């Protein structure tokens, strides 16, 4: 390669670099909304008392989130929806003394109240048996559990499938009755998992029997930044460039 050819090549490269330096560039920033994963449902929820509200002298309670429970004997997965109002009335008055709203019997009573509110025909005895097994599972002493079970077995029929037990209240808006999230189902079980195998693993995935509406996240519009060759020159000047 001759000297003239080398000089021509160098000049061509310099020209290419100069053109590239003078090229206007555009950068677009796109904002992608990030939705947090759904946390697992609590298997041991704490009922929330509704202040200044009662039913026939009994205090009312509700749930902030849905409450899943699986009965090992039947494999039935029972999910009490959020905001469902309970007063533990499915347990007759002579068994109410064994229901502690702040204790483990309350969780079993909530499941029992829900099954009674659904009122599946021919399933009251099964609901009572599930109540007994739930009490024992949550740590209620067998003597107390059997007394509460006998109470619902002998006197719970009058509280089965009552229309007035289909109520829902948001604990953050306790004076407002919420519309039912769905029509009264024909059965209290949402699925069957033999011996409840895989139930807890299912809950850990964030599964919901009654999914909530997904929040609408308004992402800001895309931002396009245009840079010209003069921007680079201004940044090098003492009075120009980006402000710190």
Protein backbone atom coordinates (compact mmCIF):
# COMPACT_ATOMS: atom_id res chain seq x y z
CA UNK A 1 0.00 0.00 0.00
CA UNK A 2 1.40 3.36 -1.08
CA UNK A 3 1.68 6.37 1.16
CA UNK A 4 -1.12 8.07 -0.78
CA UNK A 5 -3.41 5.11 -0.21
CA UNK A 6 -2.62 5.11 3.51
CA UNK A 7 -3.41 8.81 3.76
CA UNK A 8 -6.69 8.30 1.91
CA UNK A 9 -7.66 5.50 4.30
CA UNK A 10 -6.84 7.61 7.33
CA UNK A 11 -8.84 10.50 5.90
CA UNK A 12 -11.82 8.22 5.26
CA UNK A 13 -11.71 6.89 8.84
CA UNK A 14 -11.46 10.41 10.23
CA UNK A 15 -14.42 11.50 8.14
CA UNK A 16 -16.45 8.52 9.32
CA UNK A 17 -15.66 9.30 12.95
CA UNK A 18 -16.56 12.95 12.45
CA UNK A 19 -19.90 12.01 10.88
CA UNK A 20 -20.63 9.57 13.70
CA UNK A 21 -19.83 12.27 16.25
CA UNK A 22 -22.25 14.63 14.54
CA UNK A 23 -25.11 12.14 14.46
CA UNK A 24 -28.22 12.99 16.46
CA UNK A 25 -29.17 10.16 18.85
CA UNK A 26 -32.48 9.32 20.54
CA UNK A 27 -32.95 7.32 23.73
CA UNK A 28 -36.41 6.15 24.82
CA UNK A 29 -37.14 5.20 28.45
CA UNK A 30 -40.16 2.93 28.90
CA UNK A 31 -41.67 2.57 32.40
CA UNK A 32 -42.94 -0.95 33.08
CA UNK A 33 -45.26 -1.27 36.14
CA UNK A 34 -44.23 -3.97 38.60
CA UNK A 35 -47.01 -5.82 40.42
CA UNK A 36 -46.07 -7.39 43.73
CA UNK A 37 -46.72 -11.14 43.96
CA UNK A 38 -49.83 -12.25 45.84
CA UNK A 39 -48.89 -13.24 49.41
CA UNK A 40 -50.13 -16.59 50.73
CA UNK A 41 -53.44 -16.65 52.59
CA UNK A 42 -53.26 -17.03 56.35
CA UNK A 43 -54.21 -20.47 57.64
CA UNK A 44 -54.74 -19.00 61.12
CA UNK A 45 -56.57 -15.68 60.60
CA UNK A 46 -57.71 -13.46 63.42
CA UNK A 47 -61.35 -12.34 63.13
CA UNK A 48 -61.96 -8.60 63.37
CA UNK A 49 -64.72 -7.44 65.72
CA UNK A 50 -67.23 -4.99 64.30
CA UNK A 51 -67.75 -2.20 66.82
CA UNK A 52 -71.21 -0.84 67.59
CA UNK A 53 -72.81 -3.73 65.70
CA UNK A 54 -74.53 -6.79 67.05
CA UNK A 55 -77.17 -9.35 66.15
CA UNK A 56 -79.64 -10.44 68.81
CA UNK A 57 -77.14 -9.38 71.47
CA UNK A 58 -74.21 -11.20 69.89
CA UNK A 59 -71.08 -9.41 68.69
CA UNK A 60 -70.28 -9.53 65.00
CA UNK A 61 -66.94 -10.40 63.46
CA UNK A 62 -65.51 -10.33 59.95
CA UNK A 63 -62.36 -11.33 58.05
CA UNK A 64 -59.88 -9.05 56.34
CA UNK A 65 -58.84 -11.75 53.85
CA UNK A 66 -60.14 -15.10 52.69
CA UNK A 67 -59.58 -18.04 55.02
CA UNK A 68 -58.76 -21.43 53.46
CA UNK A 69 -59.22 -24.65 55.39
CA UNK A 70 -58.90 -28.28 54.31
CA UNK A 71 -60.67 -31.13 56.10
CA UNK A 72 -58.40 -34.19 56.04
CA UNK A 73 -61.25 -36.68 56.44
CA UNK A 74 -63.20 -35.56 53.37
CA UNK A 75 -60.41 -33.78 51.49
CA UNK A 76 -62.74 -30.81 51.00
CA UNK A 77 -61.11 -27.41 50.65
CA UNK A 78 -63.37 -24.83 52.29
CA UNK A 79 -62.56 -21.16 51.73
CA UNK A 80 -64.38 -18.49 53.72
CA UNK A 81 -64.31 -15.27 51.65
CA UNK A 82 -63.04 -11.99 53.00
CA UNK A 83 -65.52 -9.66 54.68
CA UNK A 84 -67.87 -12.53 55.54
CA UNK A 85 -69.74 -11.59 58.72
CA UNK A 86 -70.03 -14.19 61.47
CA UNK A 87 -71.49 -14.14 64.95
CA UNK A 88 -70.79 -17.80 65.75
CA UNK A 89 -74.56 -18.29 65.85
CA UNK A 90 -74.29 -21.72 64.22
CA UNK A 91 -73.26 -22.83 67.73
CA UNK A 92 -76.36 -22.77 70.01
CA UNK A 93 -76.32 -20.51 73.05
CA UNK A 94 -75.47 -23.32 75.46
CA UNK A 95 -72.29 -24.00 73.47
CA UNK A 96 -71.29 -20.38 73.01
CA UNK A 97 -69.30 -20.40 76.24
CA UNK A 98 -66.70 -22.58 74.56
CA UNK A 99 -66.19 -20.18 71.63
CA UNK A 100 -63.37 -17.71 72.26
CA UNK A 101 -63.29 -15.08 69.45
CA UNK A 102 -59.57 -14.62 70.10
CA UNK A 103 -58.77 -18.33 70.35
CA UNK A 104 -58.54 -21.42 68.16
CA UNK A 105 -62.21 -22.31 68.54
CA UNK A 106 -63.10 -19.12 66.62
CA UNK A 107 -61.41 -20.38 63.44
CA UNK A 108 -63.30 -23.67 63.58
CA UNK A 109 -66.54 -21.77 64.30
CA UNK A 110 -65.96 -19.47 61.29
CA UNK A 111 -65.65 -22.51 59.00
CA UNK A 112 -68.78 -23.98 60.60
CA UNK A 113 -70.71 -20.71 60.26
CA UNK A 114 -69.75 -20.52 56.59
CA UNK A 115 -70.93 -24.07 55.90
CA UNK A 116 -74.19 -23.28 57.70
CA UNK A 117 -74.59 -20.03 55.73
CA UNK A 118 -74.13 -21.91 52.44
CA UNK A 119 -76.61 -24.48 53.73
CA UNK A 120 -75.92 -27.31 51.30
CA UNK A 121 -78.92 -29.68 51.50
CA UNK A 122 -78.22 -32.88 53.40
CA UNK A 123 -74.77 -31.78 54.57
CA UNK A 124 -75.47 -30.37 58.04
CA UNK A 125 -74.13 -33.46 59.83
CA UNK A 126 -70.97 -33.29 57.72
CA UNK A 127 -70.56 -29.60 58.60
CA UNK A 128 -70.82 -30.48 62.30
CA UNK A 129 -68.21 -33.24 61.93
CA UNK A 130 -65.87 -30.85 60.10
CA UNK A 131 -66.37 -28.39 62.99
CA UNK A 132 -65.29 -31.04 65.51
CA UNK A 133 -62.21 -32.04 63.52
CA UNK A 134 -61.26 -28.39 62.99
CA UNK A 135 -61.43 -27.69 66.72
CA UNK A 136 -59.18 -30.63 67.49
CA UNK A 137 -56.79 -29.63 64.73
CA UNK A 138 -56.52 -26.08 66.08
CA UNK A 139 -55.65 -27.35 69.54
CA UNK A 140 -58.99 -27.23 71.39
CA UNK A 141 -59.10 -29.68 74.27
CA UNK A 142 -61.12 -32.81 73.34
CA UNK A 143 -63.53 -32.32 76.25
CA UNK A 144 -64.42 -28.76 75.18
CA UNK A 145 -64.50 -29.72 71.50
CA UNK A 146 -66.96 -32.53 72.14
CA UNK A 147 -69.24 -30.29 74.21
CA UNK A 148 -69.36 -27.69 71.40
CA UNK A 149 -69.91 -30.45 68.85
CA UNK A 150 -72.81 -31.94 70.79
CA UNK A 151 -74.33 -28.48 71.05
CA UNK A 152 -74.38 -27.97 67.26
CA UNK A 153 -75.41 -31.56 66.62
CA UNK A 154 -78.49 -31.36 68.82
CA UNK A 155 -79.51 -27.73 68.41
CA UNK A 156 -77.93 -26.33 65.27
CA UNK A 157 -80.71 -27.17 62.83
CA UNK A 158 -82.52 -23.86 63.34
CA UNK A 159 -79.40 -21.95 62.25
CA UNK A 160 -78.87 -23.83 58.99
CA UNK A 161 -79.24 -22.03 55.63
CA UNK A 162 -80.65 -18.80 57.07
CA UNK A 163 -81.02 -15.97 54.49
CA UNK A 164 -79.91 -13.32 57.01
CA UNK A 165 -76.49 -14.95 57.45
CA UNK A 166 -75.33 -13.90 53.98
CA UNK A 167 -73.61 -10.62 54.95
CA UNK A 168 -70.30 -9.01 54.06
CA UNK A 169 -68.66 -5.99 55.73
CA UNK A 170 -65.27 -4.41 55.08
CA UNK A 171 -63.66 -3.96 58.53
CA UNK A 172 -62.30 -0.59 57.36
CA UNK A 173 -65.85 0.59 56.53
CA UNK A 174 -67.85 -1.03 59.26
CA UNK A 175 -71.05 0.97 58.75
CA UNK A 176 -71.47 -0.13 55.13
CA UNK A 177 -72.84 -3.49 54.07
CA UNK A 178 -70.91 -4.67 51.05
CA UNK A 179 -72.74 -6.39 48.21
CA UNK A 180 -72.12 -10.16 48.20
CA UNK A 181 -69.07 -10.93 46.04
CA UNK A 182 -70.96 -13.80 44.38
CA UNK A 183 -74.24 -15.66 44.55
CA UNK A 184 -74.66 -18.16 47.37
CA UNK A 185 -72.89 -21.33 46.21
CA UNK A 186 -74.52 -24.74 46.20
CA UNK A 187 -71.68 -26.30 48.21
CA UNK A 188 -69.21 -25.08 50.79
CA UNK A 189 -66.21 -26.81 49.18
CA UNK A 190 -64.32 -25.19 46.30
CA UNK A 191 -62.29 -28.32 45.48
CA UNK A 192 -61.36 -31.76 46.82
CA UNK A 193 -57.77 -32.75 47.63
CA UNK A 194 -57.63 -36.33 48.99
CA UNK A 195 -56.19 -36.30 52.51
CA UNK A 196 -55.37 -32.61 51.84
CA UNK A 197 -52.16 -33.61 50.07
CA UNK A 198 -50.56 -30.55 48.51
CA UNK A 199 -52.94 -28.13 50.22
CA UNK A 200 -50.35 -26.07 52.09
CA UNK A 201 -48.08 -26.00 49.04
CA UNK A 202 -51.02 -24.68 47.03
CA UNK A 203 -51.63 -21.90 49.56
CA UNK A 204 -47.95 -20.90 49.48
CA UNK A 205 -48.25 -20.17 45.75
CA UNK A 206 -50.65 -17.31 46.54
CA UNK A 207 -53.66 -19.22 45.18
CA UNK A 208 -57.02 -17.59 45.80
CA UNK A 209 -60.40 -19.28 45.59
CA UNK A 210 -61.98 -15.86 45.10
CA UNK A 211 -59.40 -13.72 43.24
CA UNK A 212 -59.60 -10.00 43.91
CA UNK A 213 -59.74 -7.51 41.04
CA UNK A 214 -56.23 -6.62 39.96
CA UNK A 215 -55.35 -2.98 40.72
CA UNK A 216 -55.04 -0.70 37.73
CA UNK A 217 -51.53 0.76 37.71
CA UNK A 218 -51.14 3.89 35.60
CA UNK A 219 -47.60 3.84 34.23
CA UNK A 220 -46.16 7.19 33.13
CA UNK A 221 -45.74 7.65 29.38
CA UNK A 222 -42.48 6.80 27.68
CA UNK A 223 -39.80 9.50 27.72
CA UNK A 224 -37.65 10.09 24.63
CA UNK A 225 -34.39 12.01 25.02
CA UNK A 226 -32.76 13.50 21.91
CA UNK A 227 -29.06 14.40 21.91
CA UNK A 228 -27.45 16.55 19.21
CA UNK A 229 -23.77 17.20 18.59
CA UNK A 230 -24.16 20.64 20.19
CA UNK A 231 -25.14 18.99 23.49
CA UNK A 232 -21.65 17.51 23.75
CA UNK A 233 -20.09 20.89 23.00
CA UNK A 234 -22.22 22.66 25.63
CA UNK A 235 -21.30 20.11 28.28
CA UNK A 236 -17.63 20.99 27.83
CA UNK A 237 -18.20 24.71 28.26
CA UNK A 238 -17.70 26.22 31.75
CA UNK A 239 -21.17 27.78 31.74
CA UNK A 240 -22.97 24.95 30.00
CA UNK A 241 -23.55 21.28 30.50
CA UNK A 242 -25.76 19.50 32.99
CA UNK A 243 -26.66 21.16 36.23
CA UNK A 244 -25.52 19.37 39.33
